[in-house]
Amino acid sequence: REKLSIPEAQVEEAIAHLRSYPHIEEVAIISTCNRLEIYS
């Protein structure tokens, strides 16, 4: 889990990266000590 944790300071970059993929239109990221979930 810690390898995949996305701190708040990195969320903007992660959203931009994910939005650059051809099939992803919307994206939201939940990152806590117990989960990382990407909704799209």
PDB file of all heavy atoms in Angstrom:
ATOM      1  N   ARG A   1       0.824  -1.212   0.000  1.00  0.00           N
ATOM      2  CA  ARG A   1       0.000   0.000   0.000  1.00  0.00           C
ATOM      3  C   ARG A   1       0.857   1.260   0.000  1.00  0.00           C
ATOM      4  O   ARG A   1       0.522   2.245  -0.657  1.00  0.00           O
ATOM      5  CB  ARG A   1      -0.953   0.009   1.208  1.00  0.00           C
ATOM      6  CG  ARG A   1      -1.959  -1.128   1.204  1.00  0.00           C
ATOM      7  CD  ARG A   1      -3.159  -0.847   2.097  1.00  0.00           C
ATOM      8  NE  ARG A   1      -2.862  -0.501   3.453  1.00  0.00           N
ATOM      9  CZ  ARG A   1      -2.685  -1.377   4.448  1.00  0.00           C
ATOM     10  NH1 ARG A   1      -2.723  -2.675   4.198  1.00  0.00           N
ATOM     11  NH2 ARG A   1      -2.455  -0.964   5.681  1.00  0.00           N
ATOM     12  N   GLU A   2       1.962   1.239   0.740  1.00  0.00           N
ATOM     13  CA  GLU A   2       2.771   2.456   0.813  1.00  0.00           C
ATOM     14  C   GLU A   2       3.450   2.767  -0.523  1.00  0.00           C
ATOM     15  O   GLU A   2       3.715   3.932  -0.831  1.00  0.00           O
ATOM     16  CB  GLU A   2       3.797   2.352   1.934  1.00  0.00           C
ATOM     17  CG  GLU A   2       4.893   1.338   1.731  1.00  0.00           C
ATOM     18  CD  GLU A   2       5.813   1.245   2.943  1.00  0.00           C
ATOM     19  OE1 GLU A   2       5.573   1.972   3.927  1.00  0.00           O
ATOM     20  OE2 GLU A   2       6.763   0.427   2.910  1.00  0.00           O
ATOM     21  N   LYS A   3       3.714   1.756  -1.338  1.00  0.00           N
ATOM     22  CA  LYS A   3       4.308   1.996  -2.657  1.00  0.00           C
ATOM     23  C   LYS A   3       3.344   2.727  -3.581  1.00  0.00           C
ATOM     24  O   LYS A   3       3.759   3.443  -4.495  1.00  0.00           O
ATOM     25  CB  LYS A   3       4.704   0.666  -3.310  1.00  0.00           C
ATOM     26  CG  LYS A   3       5.902  -0.013  -2.665  1.00  0.00           C
ATOM     27  CD  LYS A   3       6.209  -1.320  -3.380  1.00  0.00           C
ATOM     28  CE  LYS A   3       7.378  -2.043  -2.722  1.00  0.00           C
ATOM     29  NZ  LYS A   3       7.645  -3.350  -3.381  1.00  0.00           N
ATOM     30  N   LEU A   4       2.049   2.545  -3.337  1.00  0.00           N
ATOM     31  CA  LEU A   4       1.042   3.124  -4.215  1.00  0.00           C
ATOM     32  C   LEU A   4       0.352   4.341  -3.617  1.00  0.00           C
ATOM     33  O   LEU A   4      -0.558   4.903  -4.221  1.00  0.00           O
ATOM     34  CB  LEU A   4       0.003   2.052  -4.572  1.00  0.00           C
ATOM     35  CG  LEU A   4       0.546   0.989  -5.529  1.00  0.00           C
ATOM     36  CD1 LEU A   4      -0.225  -0.301  -5.415  1.00  0.00           C
ATOM     37  CD2 LEU A   4       0.516   1.496  -6.951  1.00  0.00           C
ATOM     38  N   SER A   5       0.746   4.728  -2.416  1.00  0.00           N
ATOM     39  CA  SER A   5       0.132   5.892  -1.781  1.00  0.00           C
ATOM     40  C   SER A   5       0.375   7.148  -2.620  1.00  0.00           C
ATOM     41  O   SER A   5       1.457   7.364  -3.159  1.00  0.00           O
ATOM     42  CB  SER A   5       0.739   6.081  -0.382  1.00  0.00           C
ATOM     43  OG  SER A   5       0.261   7.263   0.214  1.00  0.00           O
ATOM     44  N   ILE A   6      -0.675   7.971  -2.762  1.00  0.00           N
ATOM     45  CA  ILE A   6      -0.565   9.226  -3.504  1.00  0.00           C
ATOM     46  C   ILE A   6      -0.877  10.373  -2.537  1.00  0.00           C
ATOM     47  O   ILE A   6      -2.048  10.651  -2.262  1.00  0.00           O
ATOM     48  CB  ILE A   6      -1.527   9.255  -4.709  1.00  0.00           C
ATOM     49  CG1 ILE A   6      -1.220   8.087  -5.654  1.00  0.00           C
ATOM     50  CG2 ILE A   6      -1.426  10.594  -5.453  1.00  0.00           C
ATOM     51  CD1 ILE A   6      -2.143   8.005  -6.855  1.00  0.00           C
ATOM     52  N   PRO A   7       0.142  11.030  -1.988  1.00  0.00           N
ATOM     53  CA  PRO A   7      -0.099  12.154  -1.071  1.00  0.00           C
ATOM     54  C   PRO A   7      -0.865  13.272  -1.783  1.00  0.00           C
ATOM     55  O   PRO A   7      -0.839  13.377  -3.014  1.00  0.00           O
ATOM     56  CB  PRO A   7       1.314  12.613  -0.688  1.00  0.00           C
ATOM     57  CG  PRO A   7       2.210  11.458  -1.022  1.00  0.00           C
ATOM     58  CD  PRO A   7       1.576  10.763  -2.177  1.00  0.00           C
ATOM     59  N   GLU A   8      -1.507  14.120  -0.991  1.00  0.00           N
ATOM     60  CA  GLU A   8      -2.321  15.198  -1.571  1.00  0.00           C
ATOM     61  C   GLU A   8      -1.504  16.088  -2.508  1.00  0.00           C
ATOM     62  O   GLU A   8      -2.010  16.553  -3.534  1.00  0.00           O
ATOM     63  CB  GLU A   8      -2.930  16.029  -0.445  1.00  0.00           C
ATOM     64  CG  GLU A   8      -3.964  17.034  -0.913  1.00  0.00           C
ATOM     65  CD  GLU A   8      -4.718  17.682   0.234  1.00  0.00           C
ATOM     66  OE1 GLU A   8      -5.066  16.973   1.213  1.00  0.00           O
ATOM     67  OE2 GLU A   8      -4.965  18.898   0.157  1.00  0.00           O
ATOM     68  N   ALA A   9      -0.244  16.282  -2.187  1.00  0.00           N
ATOM     69  CA  ALA A   9       0.606  17.148  -3.020  1.00  0.00           C
ATOM     70  C   ALA A   9       0.848  16.558  -4.412  1.00  0.00           C
ATOM     71  O   ALA A   9       1.233  17.275  -5.336  1.00  0.00           O
ATOM     72  CB  ALA A   9       1.944  17.382  -2.323  1.00  0.00           C
ATOM     73  N   GLN A  10       0.623  15.254  -4.569  1.00  0.00           N
ATOM     74  CA  GLN A  10       0.856  14.601  -5.859  1.00  0.00           C
ATOM     75  C   GLN A  10      -0.423  14.325  -6.643  1.00  0.00           C
ATOM     76  O   GLN A  10      -0.379  13.786  -7.753  1.00  0.00           O
ATOM     77  CB  GLN A  10       1.609  13.284  -5.643  1.00  0.00           C
ATOM     78  CG  GLN A  10       2.992  13.439  -5.037  1.00  0.00           C
ATOM     79  CD  GLN A  10       3.648  12.109  -4.735  1.00  0.00           C
ATOM     80  OE1 GLN A  10       3.227  11.059  -5.228  1.00  0.00           O
ATOM     81  NE2 GLN A  10       4.681  12.127  -3.903  1.00  0.00           N
ATOM     82  N   VAL A  11      -1.570  14.675  -6.074  1.00  0.00           N
ATOM     83  CA  VAL A  11      -2.850  14.347  -6.707  1.00  0.00           C
ATOM     84  C   VAL A  11      -3.019  15.067  -8.045  1.00  0.00           C
ATOM     85  O   VAL A  11      -3.484  14.480  -9.034  1.00  0.00           O
ATOM     86  CB  VAL A  11      -4.030  14.671  -5.762  1.00  0.00           C
ATOM     87  CG1 VAL A  11      -5.370  14.599  -6.504  1.00  0.00           C
ATOM     88  CG2 VAL A  11      -4.044  13.696  -4.594  1.00  0.00           C
ATOM     89  N   GLU A  12      -2.653  16.346  -8.097  1.00  0.00           N
ATOM     90  CA  GLU A  12      -2.806  17.095  -9.349  1.00  0.00           C
ATOM     91  C   GLU A  12      -2.047  16.423 -10.493  1.00  0.00           C
ATOM     92  O   GLU A  12      -2.591  16.228 -11.593  1.00  0.00           O
ATOM     93  CB  GLU A  12      -2.318  18.534  -9.170  1.00  0.00           C
ATOM     94  CG  GLU A  12      -2.481  19.373 -10.437  1.00  0.00           C
ATOM     95  CD  GLU A  12      -2.037  20.811 -10.249  1.00  0.00           C
ATOM     96  OE1 GLU A  12      -1.377  21.118  -9.232  1.00  0.00           O
ATOM     97  OE2 GLU A  12      -2.364  21.648 -11.121  1.00  0.00           O
ATOM     98  N   GLU A  13      -0.796  16.051 -10.228  1.00  0.00           N
ATOM     99  CA  GLU A  13       0.022  15.405 -11.253  1.00  0.00           C
ATOM    100  C   GLU A  13      -0.576  14.052 -11.650  1.00  0.00           C
ATOM    101  O   GLU A  13      -0.615  13.698 -12.832  1.00  0.00           O
ATOM    102  CB  GLU A  13       1.444  15.199 -10.716  1.00  0.00           C
ATOM    103  CG  GLU A  13       2.390  14.537 -11.709  1.00  0.00           C
ATOM    104  CD  GLU A  13       3.745  14.242 -11.098  1.00  0.00           C
ATOM    105  OE1 GLU A  13       3.997  14.661  -9.954  1.00  0.00           O
ATOM    106  OE2 GLU A  13       4.557  13.580 -11.787  1.00  0.00           O
ATOM    107  N   ALA A  14      -1.059  13.295 -10.655  1.00  0.00           N
ATOM    108  CA  ALA A  14      -1.631  11.974 -10.943  1.00  0.00           C
ATOM    109  C   ALA A  14      -2.892  12.084 -11.794  1.00  0.00           C
ATOM    110  O   ALA A  14      -3.083  11.311 -12.741  1.00  0.00           O
ATOM    111  CB  ALA A  14      -1.938  11.246  -9.633  1.00  0.00           C
ATOM    112  N   ILE A  15      -3.752  13.057 -11.479  1.00  0.00           N
ATOM    113  CA  ILE A  15      -4.979  13.250 -12.268  1.00  0.00           C
ATOM    114  C   ILE A  15      -4.627  13.632 -13.702  1.00  0.00           C
ATOM    115  O   ILE A  15      -5.195  13.095 -14.660  1.00  0.00           O
ATOM    116  CB  ILE A  15      -5.882  14.315 -11.610  1.00  0.00           C
ATOM    117  CG1 ILE A  15      -6.529  13.743 -10.345  1.00  0.00           C
ATOM    118  CG2 ILE A  15      -6.958  14.798 -12.588  1.00  0.00           C
ATOM    119  CD1 ILE A  15      -7.372  14.742  -9.571  1.00  0.00           C
ATOM    120  N   ALA A  16      -3.674  14.542 -13.852  1.00  0.00           N
ATOM    121  CA  ALA A  16      -3.271  14.969 -15.191  1.00  0.00           C
ATOM    122  C   ALA A  16      -2.706  13.794 -15.994  1.00  0.00           C
ATOM    123  O   ALA A  16      -3.001  13.636 -17.188  1.00  0.00           O
ATOM    124  CB  ALA A  16      -2.239  16.086 -15.089  1.00  0.00           C
ATOM    125  N   HIS A  17      -1.904  12.971 -15.328  1.00  0.00           N
ATOM    126  CA  HIS A  17      -1.321  11.794 -15.986  1.00  0.00           C
ATOM    127  C   HIS A  17      -2.419  10.835 -16.443  1.00  0.00           C
ATOM    128  O   HIS A  17      -2.424  10.373 -17.589  1.00  0.00           O
ATOM    129  CB  HIS A  17      -0.361  11.095 -15.011  1.00  0.00           C
ATOM    130  CG  HIS A  17       0.483  10.036 -15.648  1.00  0.00           C
ATOM    131  ND1 HIS A  17       1.704   9.644 -15.133  1.00  0.00           N
ATOM    132  CD2 HIS A  17       0.290   9.265 -16.745  1.00  0.00           C
ATOM    133  CE1 HIS A  17       2.217   8.694 -15.890  1.00  0.00           C
ATOM    134  NE2 HIS A  17       1.370   8.439 -16.874  1.00  0.00           N
ATOM    135  N   LEU A  18      -3.339  10.538 -15.554  1.00  0.00           N
ATOM    136  CA  LEU A  18      -4.425   9.614 -15.890  1.00  0.00           C
ATOM    137  C   LEU A  18      -5.322  10.170 -16.992  1.00  0.00           C
ATOM    138  O   LEU A  18      -5.752   9.434 -17.894  1.00  0.00           O
ATOM    139  CB  LEU A  18      -5.250   9.305 -14.636  1.00  0.00           C
ATOM    140  CG  LEU A  18      -4.576   8.355 -13.641  1.00  0.00           C
ATOM    141  CD1 LEU A  18      -5.204   8.475 -12.261  1.00  0.00           C
ATOM    142  CD2 LEU A  18      -4.648   6.911 -14.136  1.00  0.00           C
ATOM    143  N   ARG A  19      -5.597  11.473 -16.938  1.00  0.00           N
ATOM    144  CA  ARG A  19      -6.451  12.083 -17.965  1.00  0.00           C
ATOM    145  C   ARG A  19      -5.784  12.082 -19.343  1.00  0.00           C
ATOM    146  O   ARG A  19      -6.454  12.230 -20.364  1.00  0.00           O
ATOM    147  CB  ARG A  19      -6.790  13.525 -17.581  1.00  0.00           C
ATOM    148  CG  ARG A  19      -7.807  13.692 -16.463  1.00  0.00           C
ATOM    149  CD  ARG A  19      -9.219  13.268 -16.863  1.00  0.00           C
ATOM    150  NE  ARG A  19      -9.672  13.883 -18.085  1.00  0.00           N
ATOM    151  CZ  ARG A  19     -10.202  15.096 -18.170  1.00  0.00           C
ATOM    152  NH1 ARG A  19     -10.337  15.828 -17.073  1.00  0.00           N
ATOM    153  NH2 ARG A  19     -10.601  15.577 -19.329  1.00  0.00           N
ATOM    154  N   SER A  20      -4.462  11.901 -19.374  1.00  0.00           N
ATOM    155  CA  SER A  20      -3.751  11.896 -20.658  1.00  0.00           C
ATOM    156  C   SER A  20      -3.928  10.582 -21.412  1.00  0.00           C
ATOM    157  O   SER A  20      -3.647  10.514 -22.604  1.00  0.00           O
ATOM    158  CB  SER A  20      -2.259  12.166 -20.436  1.00  0.00           C
ATOM    159  OG  SER A  20      -1.621  11.051 -19.818  1.00  0.00           O
ATOM    160  N   TYR A  21      -4.397   9.548 -20.717  1.00  0.00           N
ATOM    161  CA  TYR A  21      -4.626   8.266 -21.395  1.00  0.00           C
ATOM    162  C   TYR A  21      -5.831   8.399 -22.330  1.00  0.00           C
ATOM    163  O   TYR A  21      -6.800   9.109 -22.014  1.00  0.00           O
ATOM    164  CB  TYR A  21      -4.863   7.154 -20.387  1.00  0.00           C
ATOM    165  CG  TYR A  21      -3.625   6.689 -19.664  1.00  0.00           C
ATOM    166  CD1 TYR A  21      -3.365   7.089 -18.350  1.00  0.00           C
ATOM    167  CD2 TYR A  21      -2.709   5.847 -20.277  1.00  0.00           C
ATOM    168  CE1 TYR A  21      -2.231   6.658 -17.681  1.00  0.00           C
ATOM    169  CE2 TYR A  21      -1.572   5.410 -19.620  1.00  0.00           C
ATOM    170  CZ  TYR A  21      -1.337   5.819 -18.315  1.00  0.00           C
ATOM    171  OH  TYR A  21      -0.206   5.397 -17.653  1.00  0.00           O
ATOM    172  N   PRO A  22      -5.827   7.698 -23.456  1.00  0.00           N
ATOM    173  CA  PRO A  22      -6.880   7.900 -24.468  1.00  0.00           C
ATOM    174  C   PRO A  22      -8.281   7.468 -24.067  1.00  0.00           C
ATOM    175  O   PRO A  22      -9.257   7.992 -24.596  1.00  0.00           O
ATOM    176  CB  PRO A  22      -6.382   7.068 -25.669  1.00  0.00           C
ATOM    177  CG  PRO A  22      -5.388   6.107 -25.099  1.00  0.00           C
ATOM    178  CD  PRO A  22      -4.759   6.799 -23.936  1.00  0.00           C
ATOM    179  N   HIS A  23      -8.419   6.525 -23.113  1.00  0.00           N
ATOM    180  CA  HIS A  23      -9.750   6.014 -22.791  1.00  0.00           C
ATOM    181  C   HIS A  23     -10.312   6.554 -21.474  1.00  0.00           C
ATOM    182  O   HIS A  23     -11.409   6.179 -21.071  1.00  0.00           O
ATOM    183  CB  HIS A  23      -9.724   4.479 -22.754  1.00  0.00           C
ATOM    184  CG  HIS A  23      -9.438   3.851 -24.081  1.00  0.00           C
ATOM    185  ND1 HIS A  23      -8.173   3.496 -24.475  1.00  0.00           N
ATOM    186  CD2 HIS A  23     -10.264   3.571 -25.119  1.00  0.00           C
ATOM    187  CE1 HIS A  23      -8.224   2.988 -25.700  1.00  0.00           C
ATOM    188  NE2 HIS A  23      -9.468   3.020 -26.115  1.00  0.00           N
ATOM    189  N   ILE A  24      -9.564   7.427 -20.788  1.00  0.00           N
ATOM    190  CA  ILE A  24     -10.009   7.936 -19.488  1.00  0.00           C
ATOM    191  C   ILE A  24     -10.571   9.343 -19.650  1.00  0.00           C
ATOM    192  O   ILE A  24      -9.879  10.251 -20.094  1.00  0.00           O
ATOM    193  CB  ILE A  24      -8.857   7.905 -18.467  1.00  0.00           C
ATOM    194  CG1 ILE A  24      -8.469   6.455 -18.192  1.00  0.00           C
ATOM    195  CG2 ILE A  24      -9.250   8.619 -17.178  1.00  0.00           C
ATOM    196  CD1 ILE A  24      -7.312   6.276 -17.239  1.00  0.00           C
ATOM    197  N   GLU A  25     -11.836   9.524 -19.273  1.00  0.00           N
ATOM    198  CA  GLU A  25     -12.514  10.812 -19.445  1.00  0.00           C
ATOM    199  C   GLU A  25     -12.640  11.596 -18.137  1.00  0.00           C
ATOM    200  O   GLU A  25     -12.530  12.808 -18.131  1.00  0.00           O
ATOM    201  CB  GLU A  25     -13.904  10.577 -20.049  1.00  0.00           C
ATOM    202  CG  GLU A  25     -13.856   9.961 -21.445  1.00  0.00           C
ATOM    203  CD  GLU A  25     -15.230   9.812 -22.054  1.00  0.00           C
ATOM    204  OE1 GLU A  25     -16.176   9.460 -21.315  1.00  0.00           O
ATOM    205  OE2 GLU A  25     -15.372  10.044 -23.265  1.00  0.00           O
ATOM    206  N   GLU A  26     -12.939  10.915 -17.055  1.00  0.00           N
ATOM    207  CA  GLU A  26     -13.048  11.546 -15.737  1.00  0.00           C
ATOM    208  C   GLU A  26     -12.277  10.682 -14.750  1.00  0.00           C
ATOM    209  O   GLU A  26     -12.194   9.463 -14.914  1.00  0.00           O
ATOM    210  CB  GLU A  26     -14.509  11.654 -15.278  1.00  0.00           C
ATOM    211  CG  GLU A  26     -15.416  12.446 -16.195  1.00  0.00           C
ATOM    212  CD  GLU A  26     -16.852  12.513 -15.650  1.00  0.00           C
ATOM    213  OE1 GLU A  26     -17.018  12.523 -14.411  1.00  0.00           O
ATOM    214  OE2 GLU A  26     -17.792  12.547 -16.452  1.00  0.00           O
ATOM    215  N   VAL A  27     -11.750  11.301 -13.693  1.00  0.00           N
ATOM    216  CA  VAL A  27     -10.979  10.521 -12.720  1.00  0.00           C
ATOM    217  C   VAL A  27     -10.999  11.179 -11.347  1.00  0.00           C
ATOM    218  O   VAL A  27     -11.013  12.404 -11.228  1.00  0.00           O
ATOM    219  CB  VAL A  27      -9.521  10.317 -13.206  1.00  0.00           C
ATOM    220  CG1 VAL A  27      -8.767  11.641 -13.260  1.00  0.00           C
ATOM    221  CG2 VAL A  27      -8.778   9.318 -12.365  1.00  0.00           C
ATOM    222  N   ALA A  28     -11.035  10.345 -10.303  1.00  0.00           N
ATOM    223  CA  ALA A  28     -10.942  10.802  -8.916  1.00  0.00           C
ATOM    224  C   ALA A  28     -10.127   9.778  -8.145  1.00  0.00           C
ATOM    225  O   ALA A  28     -10.229   8.570  -8.404  1.00  0.00           O
ATOM    226  CB  ALA A  28     -12.330  10.961  -8.298  1.00  0.00           C
ATOM    227  N   ILE A  29      -9.341  10.244  -7.171  1.00  0.00           N
ATOM    228  CA  ILE A  29      -8.403   9.373  -6.463  1.00  0.00           C
ATOM    229  C   ILE A  29      -8.646   9.458  -4.958  1.00  0.00           C
ATOM    230  O   ILE A  29      -8.557  10.534  -4.370  1.00  0.00           O
ATOM    231  CB  ILE A  29      -6.944   9.773  -6.762  1.00  0.00           C
ATOM    232  CG1 ILE A  29      -6.663   9.667  -8.263  1.00  0.00           C
ATOM    233  CG2 ILE A  29      -5.972   8.898  -5.971  1.00  0.00           C
ATOM    234  CD1 ILE A  29      -5.345  10.309  -8.671  1.00  0.00           C
ATOM    235  N   ILE A  30      -8.951   8.311  -4.341  1.00  0.00           N
ATOM    236  CA  ILE A  30      -9.005   8.222  -2.879  1.00  0.00           C
ATOM    237  C   ILE A  30      -7.723   7.540  -2.419  1.00  0.00           C
ATOM    238  O   ILE A  30      -7.441   6.407  -2.796  1.00  0.00           O
ATOM    239  CB  ILE A  30     -10.218   7.396  -2.400  1.00  0.00           C
ATOM    240  CG1 ILE A  30     -11.525   8.073  -2.788  1.00  0.00           C
ATOM    241  CG2 ILE A  30     -10.160   7.209  -0.881  1.00  0.00           C
ATOM    242  CD1 ILE A  30     -12.763   7.292  -2.365  1.00  0.00           C
ATOM    243  N   SER A  31      -6.928   8.242  -1.609  1.00  0.00           N
ATOM    244  CA  SER A  31      -5.685   7.663  -1.083  1.00  0.00           C
ATOM    245  C   SER A  31      -5.641   7.879   0.419  1.00  0.00           C
ATOM    246  O   SER A  31      -5.561   9.014   0.896  1.00  0.00           O
ATOM    247  CB  SER A  31      -4.464   8.315  -1.754  1.00  0.00           C
ATOM    248  OG  SER A  31      -3.263   7.724  -1.300  1.00  0.00           O
ATOM    249  N   THR A  32      -5.733   6.780   1.180  1.00  0.00           N
ATOM    250  CA  THR A  32      -5.670   6.842   2.643  1.00  0.00           C
ATOM    251  C   THR A  32      -4.669   5.790   3.120  1.00  0.00           C
ATOM    252  O   THR A  32      -4.082   5.070   2.320  1.00  0.00           O
ATOM    253  CB  THR A  32      -7.048   6.553   3.281  1.00  0.00           C
ATOM    254  OG1 THR A  32      -7.333   5.146   3.163  1.00  0.00           O
ATOM    255  CG2 THR A  32      -8.150   7.354   2.600  1.00  0.00           C
ATOM    256  N   CYS A  33      -4.509   5.671   4.435  1.00  0.00           N
ATOM    257  CA  CYS A  33      -3.561   4.687   4.950  1.00  0.00           C
ATOM    258  C   CYS A  33      -4.016   3.266   4.654  1.00  0.00           C
ATOM    259  O   CYS A  33      -3.201   2.343   4.634  1.00  0.00           O
ATOM    260  CB  CYS A  33      -3.344   4.872   6.451  1.00  0.00           C
ATOM    261  SG  CYS A  33      -4.831   4.675   7.445  1.00  0.00           S
ATOM    262  N   ASN A  34      -5.298   3.080   4.415  1.00  0.00           N
ATOM    263  CA  ASN A  34      -5.814   1.726   4.205  1.00  0.00           C
ATOM    264  C   ASN A  34      -6.283   1.430   2.787  1.00  0.00           C
ATOM    265  O   ASN A  34      -6.689   0.302   2.504  1.00  0.00           O
ATOM    266  CB  ASN A  34      -6.976   1.447   5.173  1.00  0.00           C
ATOM    267  CG  ASN A  34      -6.472   1.140   6.563  1.00  0.00           C
ATOM    268  OD1 ASN A  34      -5.462   0.463   6.726  1.00  0.00           O
ATOM    269  ND2 ASN A  34      -7.144   1.651   7.575  1.00  0.00           N
ATOM    270  N   ARG A  35      -6.244   2.425   1.882  1.00  0.00           N
ATOM    271  CA  ARG A  35      -6.721   2.146   0.525  1.00  0.00           C
ATOM    272  C   ARG A  35      -6.192   3.161  -0.472  1.00  0.00           C
ATOM    273  O   ARG A  35      -5.899   4.315  -0.125  1.00  0.00           O
ATOM    274  CB  ARG A  35      -8.251   2.142   0.482  1.00  0.00           C
ATOM    275  CG  ARG A  35      -8.927   3.500   0.673  1.00  0.00           C
ATOM    276  CD  ARG A  35     -10.441   3.382   0.704  1.00  0.00           C
ATOM    277  NE  ARG A  35     -10.865   2.602   1.849  1.00  0.00           N
ATOM    278  CZ  ARG A  35     -11.358   1.364   1.760  1.00  0.00           C
ATOM    279  NH1 ARG A  35     -11.496   0.795   0.580  1.00  0.00           N
ATOM    280  NH2 ARG A  35     -11.717   0.704   2.848  1.00  0.00           N
ATOM    281  N   LEU A  36      -6.068   2.695  -1.704  1.00  0.00           N
ATOM    282  CA  LEU A  36      -5.882   3.582  -2.852  1.00  0.00           C
ATOM    283  C   LEU A  36      -6.901   3.126  -3.882  1.00  0.00           C
ATOM    284  O   LEU A  36      -6.885   1.967  -4.308  1.00  0.00           O
ATOM    285  CB  LEU A  36      -4.482   3.501  -3.439  1.00  0.00           C
ATOM    286  CG  LEU A  36      -4.359   4.275  -4.759  1.00  0.00           C
ATOM    287  CD1 LEU A  36      -4.336   5.774  -4.503  1.00  0.00           C
ATOM    288  CD2 LEU A  36      -3.142   3.864  -5.559  1.00  0.00           C
ATOM    289  N   GLU A  37      -7.794   4.020  -4.274  1.00  0.00           N
ATOM    290  CA  GLU A  37      -8.835   3.675  -5.244  1.00  0.00           C
ATOM    291  C   GLU A  37      -8.922   4.763  -6.296  1.00  0.00           C
ATOM    292  O   GLU A  37      -8.971   5.952  -5.970  1.00  0.00           O
ATOM    293  CB  GLU A  37     -10.186   3.511  -4.537  1.00  0.00           C
ATOM    294  CG  GLU A  37     -10.172   2.363  -3.547  1.00  0.00           C
ATOM    295  CD  GLU A  37     -11.466   2.181  -2.776  1.00  0.00           C
ATOM    296  OE1 GLU A  37     -12.375   3.040  -2.887  1.00  0.00           O
ATOM    297  OE2 GLU A  37     -11.572   1.190  -2.040  1.00  0.00           O
ATOM    298  N   ILE A  38      -8.925   4.347  -7.552  1.00  0.00           N
ATOM    299  CA  ILE A  38      -9.040   5.285  -8.657  1.00  0.00           C
ATOM    300  C   ILE A  38     -10.371   5.039  -9.357  1.00  0.00           C
ATOM    301  O   ILE A  38     -10.615   3.957  -9.897  1.00  0.00           O
ATOM    302  CB  ILE A  38      -7.872   5.137  -9.650  1.00  0.00           C
ATOM    303  CG1 ILE A  38      -6.559   5.473  -8.933  1.00  0.00           C
ATOM    304  CG2 ILE A  38      -8.067   6.037 -10.862  1.00  0.00           C
ATOM    305  CD1 ILE A  38      -5.326   5.323  -9.785  1.00  0.00           C
ATOM    306  N   TYR A  39     -11.244   6.046  -9.296  1.00  0.00           N
ATOM    307  CA  TYR A  39     -12.560   5.989  -9.949  1.00  0.00           C
ATOM    308  C   TYR A  39     -12.457   6.715 -11.276  1.00  0.00           C
ATOM    309  O   TYR A  39     -11.828   7.766 -11.384  1.00  0.00           O
ATOM    310  CB  TYR A  39     -13.617   6.663  -9.063  1.00  0.00           C
ATOM    311  CG  TYR A  39     -13.892   5.906  -7.783  1.00  0.00           C
ATOM    312  CD1 TYR A  39     -13.051   6.054  -6.687  1.00  0.00           C
ATOM    313  CD2 TYR A  39     -14.957   5.026  -7.688  1.00  0.00           C
ATOM    314  CE1 TYR A  39     -13.274   5.342  -5.517  1.00  0.00           C
ATOM    315  CE2 TYR A  39     -15.195   4.308  -6.519  1.00  0.00           C
ATOM    316  CZ  TYR A  39     -14.343   4.462  -5.442  1.00  0.00           C
ATOM    317  OH  TYR A  39     -14.565   3.743  -4.290  1.00  0.00           O
ATOM    318  N   SER A  40     -13.109   6.144 -12.289  1.00  0.00           N
ATOM    319  CA  SER A  40     -12.972   6.754 -13.606  1.00  0.00           C
ATOM    320  C   SER A  40     -14.203   6.503 -14.464  1.00  0.00           C
ATOM    321  O   SER A  40     -14.883   5.488 -14.324  1.00  0.00           O
ATOM    322  CB  SER A  40     -11.735   6.189 -14.310  1.00  0.00           C
ATOM    323  OG  SER A  40     -11.513   6.844 -15.542  1.00  0.00           O
TER     324      SER A  40
END
